[in-house]
Amino acid sequence: MIKNIAVVGGDLRIVKLVEMLQKEEYQVKTYALEKATEIKDTHTNSIFECIQNADIVLGPLPLSTTGQQLNTPFSDTKIQVEELINQIGGKTFIAGSIKPEVYQMVEEKDITLLDIIKREELAVLNAISTAEGAIQIAINETPKNLHGNNVLVLGFGRIGKVLSKMLDGIGAKVACEARKTTDLAWIKAYGYEPINLIELKENLNRFDIIINTIPYIVLTKDMLQEVKKDTLIIDLASNPGGVDRQAIKELGIKFNWALSLPGKVSPITSAEFMKETLLNMFKEIDNQ
């Protein structure tokens, strides 16, 4: 049964998660979180000391922002991802947004690597925080109420669905873009305006706010030339995003690439979602 957890690096969500796990009576040791004074009783002086007796090793979300070093905003310590991997041997390692090259690192090692971001329950719950964060940005960066404004949501996945519902709830005139006929039918059933991807270009000039959730370039330069100059575009998609950033700069359109919103706008709630997901994962591991 999992009782001892090692936590290496991470942002405020991880700090709050450590506090929550302690309240659940897990034994938690941490490394590269020494600036988080609220969990100072968990600090260790080395990776080895942190993980030697751990049942599970928990890393940051995202694991790395550089592709090489661990994400450690609460520490001045710089840790290479490979350095941590080499210390984990024989344990289960859980982190977020794990790159393919990290999976390659563990191929010949006795390590079970799990990406918590790929868990459906966390993805759905995080969509709530992402949608609220997007609305907060829209309110802060536009001079008019969202109520009555024409808002276009690109993509009708988890985030698109939650975001559209929230926008509709505060009185925005919501349109949603999708490619699949089933998604377009659901958009219509919910009472939003459906826009097929092939008809997107001719409709762009109608919107005051455009929010993208699609993780590939949808708003190319050709598309962006149809957007009104006073339109706000918010991109929620991870790298490379859904907007041609060079083109949007050249065209002078107001733009916000809003990454990792759950950790920025609601770290405590995000930590609660993570804890709920982790406890599900622990049960599955214990039952194996």
Foldseek 3Di string as FASTA:
>chain_A
DFAEEFEEAEDLLVVLLVVVSVVVVGHYAYELQCQSVVVNVRYDDDLCVRAVPGQEYEFYVAQDPVLFWGHRPNHPDTHGLLNNLVNNAQHEYEYAPDDPVSVVSCPPGNYHYYHLCPDPLLVLLVLLLLLVLVVVCVVVPDPDDQAAFEEEEEDCDSNNVNNQVVSVVNHHQYEYEDADPVSQVVCVVVPHHYDYLVRQQVPQCRGQEYEYADQDASAELSSCVSHDQNHEYEWAHDPVTHHPVVSCVVSNHHYHDDYPRCCVPPSNSSSVSVSVSVVVVVVVVVVD
